[in-house]
Amino acid sequence: MTNTPETPLRLAVLGTGLMGQPMARRLCAAGHRVHVWNRTRAKAEPLAAFGATVHATPAQAVRDADIVLSLLENGPVVGHVLFELAAAQAMRSAALFMDMASIGPREAREHAARLQEMGLAHLDAPVSGGTVGAEAGTLAIMVGGRTQDFLRAQPVFASLGRATHVGSHGAGQIAKLANQMIVGITAEALLFAAKGGADMARVREAIGGGFAESRILQLHGQRMVERDFAPRGRMAVQLKDLRNALATAREIGFDAPITAVLDALYAQGVEHGLGELDHSGLFVELARRNALQ
């Protein structure tokens, strides 16, 4: 059933992959006028059945949009689509570009500055919660940018999850990198329990009410118990985020030794062909190392 907002927005969604697809569907269901583009058009076509208009180029998709949402792969791709494929040049004056992908904080600040020079607004608003959160509209959204633009984007956030304004441009990406730094340890803890002779599923249940309780323990822990590593957020993307975290740590003079270890482990997993698994698939790499296949 369509829930029509009092004032529907004209929205463009650039990138309709694992996250962009369900997010665009929710925005259509909320009654907004949604225009979509994806590099591989076939991935965008199914959204037409939900009321979205599919475009051949990003410039066409953004032309009349109030707010443009980016769910693109990484910072260089975002920059390429914005400035080389002319999406930014095609946007309406004072339109808002909201980058919901995970990119480097420095890249987010650079994009914000270039867009501001063109008379356009910018938020970096990466998300956590994977495809489960995207489908359910329960994403955690970490937002960097101006307060007035954060307030302006509330009708979009309302369909997608819980948004928190964490600071100026780039701060949303900093928060997302902190999130990814926290995510990585669950697999090792559960495998440690199994190697020591404990029932992994029961250990997850036992520690669930203590200080270790977390969404990661609930969802990723269950995937590890069930050996279900179908991708909701890929290992390769987690590795990209950890490398962005380490690069940012170097830029600000912060020593992040635990994140460096996680980066090395994810890199080994990707080298061993696990890059397309869910990022909880670090479990598979650690199981291999500990002869717990």
Protein backbone atom coordinates (compact mmCIF):
# COMPACT_ATOMS: atom_id res chain seq x y z
CA MET A 1 0.00 0.00 0.00
CA THR A 2 1.39 3.41 -0.96
CA ASN A 3 1.81 5.95 1.83
CA THR A 4 1.70 9.34 0.09
CA PRO A 5 3.53 12.13 1.96
CA GLU A 6 1.95 15.58 2.29
CA THR A 7 4.56 17.00 -0.10
CA PRO A 8 6.11 14.29 -2.31
CA LEU A 9 9.73 14.94 -3.21
CA ARG A 10 11.37 14.49 -6.55
CA LEU A 11 14.22 12.09 -5.84
CA ALA A 12 17.00 10.53 -7.88
CA VAL A 13 18.79 7.35 -6.81
CA LEU A 14 22.16 6.69 -8.44
CA GLY A 15 23.24 3.09 -7.95
CA THR A 16 20.60 0.38 -7.54
CA GLY A 17 22.61 -2.57 -6.31
CA LEU A 18 22.18 -4.54 -3.08
CA MET A 19 21.39 -1.42 -1.04
CA GLY A 20 20.05 0.96 -3.67
CA GLN A 21 17.29 -1.39 -4.85
CA PRO A 22 15.43 -1.79 -1.53
CA MET A 23 16.00 1.83 -0.56
CA ALA A 24 14.53 3.04 -3.86
CA ARG A 25 11.55 0.72 -3.39
CA ARG A 26 10.85 2.19 0.03
CA LEU A 27 11.01 5.73 -1.34
CA CYS A 28 8.55 4.77 -4.10
CA ALA A 29 6.23 3.20 -1.53
CA ALA A 30 6.35 6.41 0.51
CA GLY A 31 4.85 8.25 -2.45
CA HIS A 32 7.90 10.18 -3.64
CA ARG A 33 8.59 10.62 -7.35
CA VAL A 34 11.69 8.50 -7.81
CA HIS A 35 14.09 8.52 -10.77
CA VAL A 36 16.84 5.91 -10.93
CA TRP A 37 20.04 5.20 -12.80
CA ASN A 38 22.49 2.32 -12.61
CA ARG A 39 25.58 1.64 -14.67
CA THR A 40 24.09 -1.76 -15.55
CA ARG A 41 20.58 -0.73 -16.57
CA ALA A 42 19.15 -4.23 -16.02
CA LYS A 43 19.64 -3.75 -12.26
CA ALA A 44 17.48 -0.64 -12.31
CA GLU A 45 14.71 -1.91 -14.60
CA PRO A 46 12.80 -3.88 -11.90
CA LEU A 47 12.16 -0.62 -10.04
CA ALA A 48 9.83 0.54 -12.83
CA ALA A 49 7.23 -1.89 -11.48
CA PHE A 50 7.26 0.07 -8.20
CA GLY A 51 6.72 3.43 -9.91
CA ALA A 52 10.30 4.58 -10.49
CA THR A 53 11.41 6.13 -13.77
CA VAL A 54 14.55 4.48 -15.15
CA HIS A 55 17.07 6.68 -17.00
CA ALA A 56 19.93 5.95 -19.37
CA THR A 57 22.34 8.47 -17.83
CA PRO A 58 22.86 9.93 -14.35
CA ALA A 59 22.44 13.46 -15.77
CA GLN A 60 18.95 12.57 -17.00
CA ALA A 61 18.02 10.99 -13.65
CA VAL A 62 18.99 14.01 -11.52
CA ARG A 63 17.72 16.80 -13.78
CA ASP A 64 14.55 17.69 -11.84
CA ALA A 65 15.42 16.17 -8.46
CA ASP A 66 15.10 18.00 -5.15
CA ILE A 67 17.44 15.45 -3.54
CA VAL A 68 19.87 13.05 -5.21
CA LEU A 69 20.87 9.90 -3.33
CA SER A 70 24.14 8.17 -4.22
CA LEU A 71 24.63 4.46 -3.51
CA LEU A 72 27.72 4.14 -5.68
CA GLU A 73 30.68 1.85 -5.13
CA ASN A 74 33.43 4.14 -3.85
CA GLY A 75 34.77 7.69 -3.79
CA PRO A 76 36.37 7.72 -7.25
CA VAL A 77 33.15 6.38 -8.80
CA VAL A 78 31.11 9.05 -7.01
CA GLY A 79 33.48 11.73 -8.32
CA HIS A 80 33.36 10.29 -11.84
CA VAL A 81 29.55 10.23 -11.92
CA LEU A 82 29.25 13.71 -10.43
CA PHE A 83 31.84 15.61 -12.39
CA GLU A 84 32.78 13.56 -15.47
CA LEU A 85 29.36 12.11 -16.34
CA ALA A 86 27.94 15.58 -15.60
CA ALA A 87 25.41 14.67 -12.91
CA ALA A 88 26.41 17.71 -10.84
CA GLN A 89 26.16 20.02 -13.85
CA ALA A 90 22.65 18.70 -14.56
CA MET A 91 21.30 19.20 -11.03
CA ARG A 92 18.88 22.02 -10.30
CA SER A 93 20.24 25.06 -8.47
CA ALA A 94 20.31 24.48 -4.67
CA ALA A 95 19.46 20.77 -5.04
CA LEU A 96 20.87 18.46 -2.37
CA PHE A 97 23.31 15.65 -3.16
CA MET A 98 23.27 13.02 -0.41
CA ASP A 99 26.05 10.45 -0.61
CA MET A 100 24.86 7.32 1.21
CA ALA A 101 27.75 5.12 0.10
CA SER A 102 30.89 4.54 2.18
CA ILE A 103 33.74 6.67 0.86
CA GLY A 104 36.77 8.38 2.40
CA PRO A 105 36.04 11.40 4.64
CA ARG A 106 38.54 13.50 2.68
CA GLU A 107 36.75 12.58 -0.56
CA ALA A 108 33.41 13.58 1.00
CA ARG A 109 34.81 16.98 2.00
CA GLU A 110 36.27 17.51 -1.46
CA HIS A 111 32.96 16.66 -3.14
CA ALA A 112 31.10 18.97 -0.76
CA ALA A 113 33.44 21.86 -1.58
CA ARG A 114 33.15 21.37 -5.34
CA LEU A 115 29.37 21.10 -5.19
CA GLN A 116 29.13 24.20 -3.00
CA GLU A 117 31.05 26.15 -5.66
CA MET A 118 28.36 25.04 -8.12
CA GLY A 119 25.52 26.23 -5.90
CA LEU A 120 24.60 22.73 -4.71
CA ALA A 121 24.23 21.30 -1.19
CA HIS A 122 25.90 18.12 0.10
CA LEU A 123 25.46 15.60 2.90
CA ASP A 124 27.55 12.51 3.49
CA ALA A 125 25.10 10.00 4.96
CA PRO A 126 26.51 6.46 4.92
CA VAL A 127 24.37 3.69 6.36
CA SER A 128 24.75 0.60 8.50
CA GLY A 129 22.32 -2.29 8.71
CA GLY A 130 22.91 -4.07 5.40
CA THR A 131 20.17 -5.29 3.09
CA VAL A 132 18.08 -6.41 6.07
CA GLY A 133 17.94 -2.84 7.35
CA ALA A 134 17.40 -1.45 3.85
CA GLU A 135 14.40 -3.71 3.27
CA ALA A 136 12.88 -2.96 6.68
CA GLY A 137 13.63 0.77 6.77
CA THR A 138 15.72 0.39 9.94
CA LEU A 139 19.11 1.60 8.71
CA ALA A 140 21.40 3.56 11.00
CA ILE A 141 22.26 6.68 8.99
CA MET A 142 25.31 8.75 10.03
CA VAL A 143 25.12 12.24 8.59
CA GLY A 144 27.76 14.90 8.05
CA GLY A 145 27.02 18.37 6.67
CA ARG A 146 25.02 21.49 7.43
CA THR A 147 22.16 21.33 9.92
CA GLN A 148 19.72 22.94 7.49
CA ASP A 149 20.44 20.28 4.88
CA PHE A 150 20.06 17.52 7.48
CA LEU A 151 16.62 18.91 8.36
CA ARG A 152 15.72 19.22 4.70
CA ALA A 153 16.43 15.51 4.17
CA GLN A 154 14.14 14.31 6.99
CA PRO A 155 11.37 13.05 4.67
CA VAL A 156 13.92 10.78 2.98
CA PHE A 157 15.41 9.56 6.25
CA ALA A 158 11.91 8.79 7.57
CA SER A 159 11.52 6.05 4.93
CA LEU A 160 14.96 4.55 5.37
CA GLY A 161 15.82 4.41 9.07
CA ARG A 162 17.20 6.45 11.98
CA ALA A 163 19.40 9.39 11.03
CA THR A 164 21.83 11.14 13.37
CA HIS A 165 23.64 14.37 12.54
CA VAL A 166 27.21 13.73 13.74
CA GLY A 167 29.08 16.82 12.50
CA SER A 168 30.24 18.77 9.48
CA HIS A 169 31.10 17.44 6.01
CA GLY A 170 33.03 14.15 6.25
CA ALA A 171 31.85 13.39 9.79
CA GLY A 172 29.24 10.92 8.56
CA GLN A 173 31.98 8.93 6.82
CA ILE A 174 34.12 9.07 9.97
CA ALA A 175 31.21 7.60 11.95
CA LYS A 176 30.71 4.83 9.37
CA LEU A 177 34.40 3.92 9.50
CA ALA A 178 34.19 3.73 13.29
CA ASN A 179 31.21 1.40 12.83
CA GLN A 180 33.21 -0.84 10.51
CA MET A 181 36.13 -0.91 12.95
CA ILE A 182 33.75 -2.23 15.63
CA VAL A 183 32.18 -4.88 13.36
CA GLY A 184 35.26 -7.03 12.79
CA ILE A 185 35.90 -8.95 16.03
CA THR A 186 32.73 -11.09 16.38
CA ALA A 187 33.92 -13.92 14.12
CA GLU A 188 37.13 -14.46 16.06
CA ALA A 189 35.33 -14.51 19.41
CA LEU A 190 32.82 -17.17 18.34
CA LEU A 191 35.48 -19.34 16.69
CA PHE A 192 37.60 -19.06 19.83
CA ALA A 193 34.65 -20.44 21.79
CA ALA A 194 34.21 -23.32 19.34
CA LYS A 195 37.91 -24.18 19.33
CA GLY A 196 37.82 -24.31 23.12
CA GLY A 197 35.02 -26.86 23.07
CA ALA A 198 31.97 -24.67 23.68
CA ASP A 199 28.79 -24.78 21.61
CA MET A 200 29.05 -21.66 19.45
CA ALA A 201 25.31 -21.12 19.20
CA ARG A 202 24.91 -21.42 22.97
CA VAL A 203 27.81 -19.03 23.58
CA ARG A 204 26.14 -16.46 21.35
CA GLU A 205 22.94 -16.91 23.34
CA ALA A 206 24.73 -16.74 26.68
CA ILE A 207 26.62 -13.50 26.07
CA GLY A 208 23.66 -11.82 24.37
CA GLY A 209 22.40 -10.23 27.58
CA GLY A 210 25.77 -8.93 28.75
CA PHE A 211 28.07 -6.10 27.73
CA ALA A 212 28.81 -7.81 24.39
CA GLU A 213 25.18 -7.56 23.26
CA SER A 214 25.00 -5.88 19.86
CA ARG A 215 23.26 -5.94 16.50
CA ILE A 216 26.42 -7.54 15.10
CA LEU A 217 26.22 -10.38 17.62
CA GLN A 218 22.53 -10.87 16.80
CA LEU A 219 22.75 -10.87 13.02
CA HIS A 220 26.33 -11.75 12.11
CA GLY A 221 26.59 -14.19 14.99
CA GLN A 222 23.52 -16.04 13.74
CA ARG A 223 24.91 -16.12 10.20
CA MET A 224 28.14 -17.61 11.54
CA VAL A 225 26.29 -20.27 13.53
CA GLU A 226 24.26 -21.17 10.42
CA ARG A 227 27.23 -20.79 8.02
CA ASP A 228 25.05 -18.42 5.97
CA PHE A 229 27.35 -16.03 4.14
CA ALA A 230 25.11 -14.90 1.27
CA PRO A 231 26.13 -11.28 0.67
CA ARG A 232 24.16 -8.53 2.39
CA GLY A 233 27.34 -6.44 2.57
CA ARG A 234 30.39 -7.94 0.86
CA MET A 235 33.81 -8.79 2.31
CA ALA A 236 35.41 -6.71 -0.45
CA VAL A 237 33.40 -3.66 0.62
CA GLN A 238 34.36 -4.16 4.26
CA LEU A 239 38.01 -4.27 3.20
CA LYS A 240 37.54 -1.01 1.27
CA ASP A 241 36.05 0.61 4.38
CA LEU A 242 38.85 -0.59 6.64
CA ARG A 243 41.43 0.80 4.22
CA ASN A 244 39.58 4.11 4.21
CA ALA A 245 39.66 4.02 8.02
CA LEU A 246 43.41 3.43 8.08
CA ALA A 247 44.06 6.15 5.50
CA THR A 248 41.98 8.58 7.54
CA ALA A 249 43.78 7.53 10.73
CA ARG A 250 47.10 8.39 9.08
CA GLU A 251 45.73 11.76 7.94
CA ILE A 252 44.67 12.75 11.45
CA GLY A 253 47.67 11.20 13.25
CA PHE A 254 45.73 8.40 14.98
CA ASP A 255 47.29 4.99 15.74
CA ALA A 256 44.74 2.22 14.93
CA PRO A 257 46.59 -1.08 15.48
CA ILE A 258 43.48 -3.26 15.89
CA THR A 259 42.00 -1.96 12.65
CA ALA A 260 45.32 -2.68 10.91
CA VAL A 261 45.09 -6.33 12.00
CA LEU A 262 41.48 -6.56 10.79
CA ASP A 263 42.50 -5.01 7.48
CA ALA A 264 45.17 -7.68 7.01
CA LEU A 265 42.70 -10.48 7.84
CA TYR A 266 40.04 -9.22 5.46
CA ALA A 267 42.70 -8.77 2.77
CA GLN A 268 43.75 -12.40 3.18
CA GLY A 269 40.13 -13.52 2.98
CA VAL A 270 39.62 -11.59 -0.25
CA GLU A 271 42.88 -13.01 -1.64
CA HIS A 272 41.55 -16.50 -0.86
CA GLY A 273 38.44 -15.88 -2.98
CA LEU A 274 36.01 -14.78 -0.26
CA GLY A 275 35.44 -11.22 -1.50
CA GLU A 276 31.85 -11.85 -2.62
CA LEU A 277 30.76 -13.39 0.70
CA ASP A 278 28.89 -11.38 3.32
CA HIS A 279 31.35 -9.44 5.46
CA SER A 280 30.59 -11.83 8.32
CA GLY A 281 32.44 -14.27 6.02
CA LEU A 282 35.66 -13.32 7.82
CA PHE A 283 34.54 -16.33 9.86
CA VAL A 284 35.48 -18.56 6.90
CA GLU A 285 39.01 -17.13 6.71
CA LEU A 286 39.53 -17.48 10.47
CA ALA A 287 38.09 -21.02 10.43
CA ARG A 288 40.58 -21.95 7.70
CA ARG A 289 43.48 -20.55 9.73
CA ASN A 290 42.38 -22.54 12.77
CA ALA A 291 41.53 -25.81 10.97
CA LEU A 292 37.85 -25.42 11.87
CA GLN A 293 36.37 -25.73 8.40
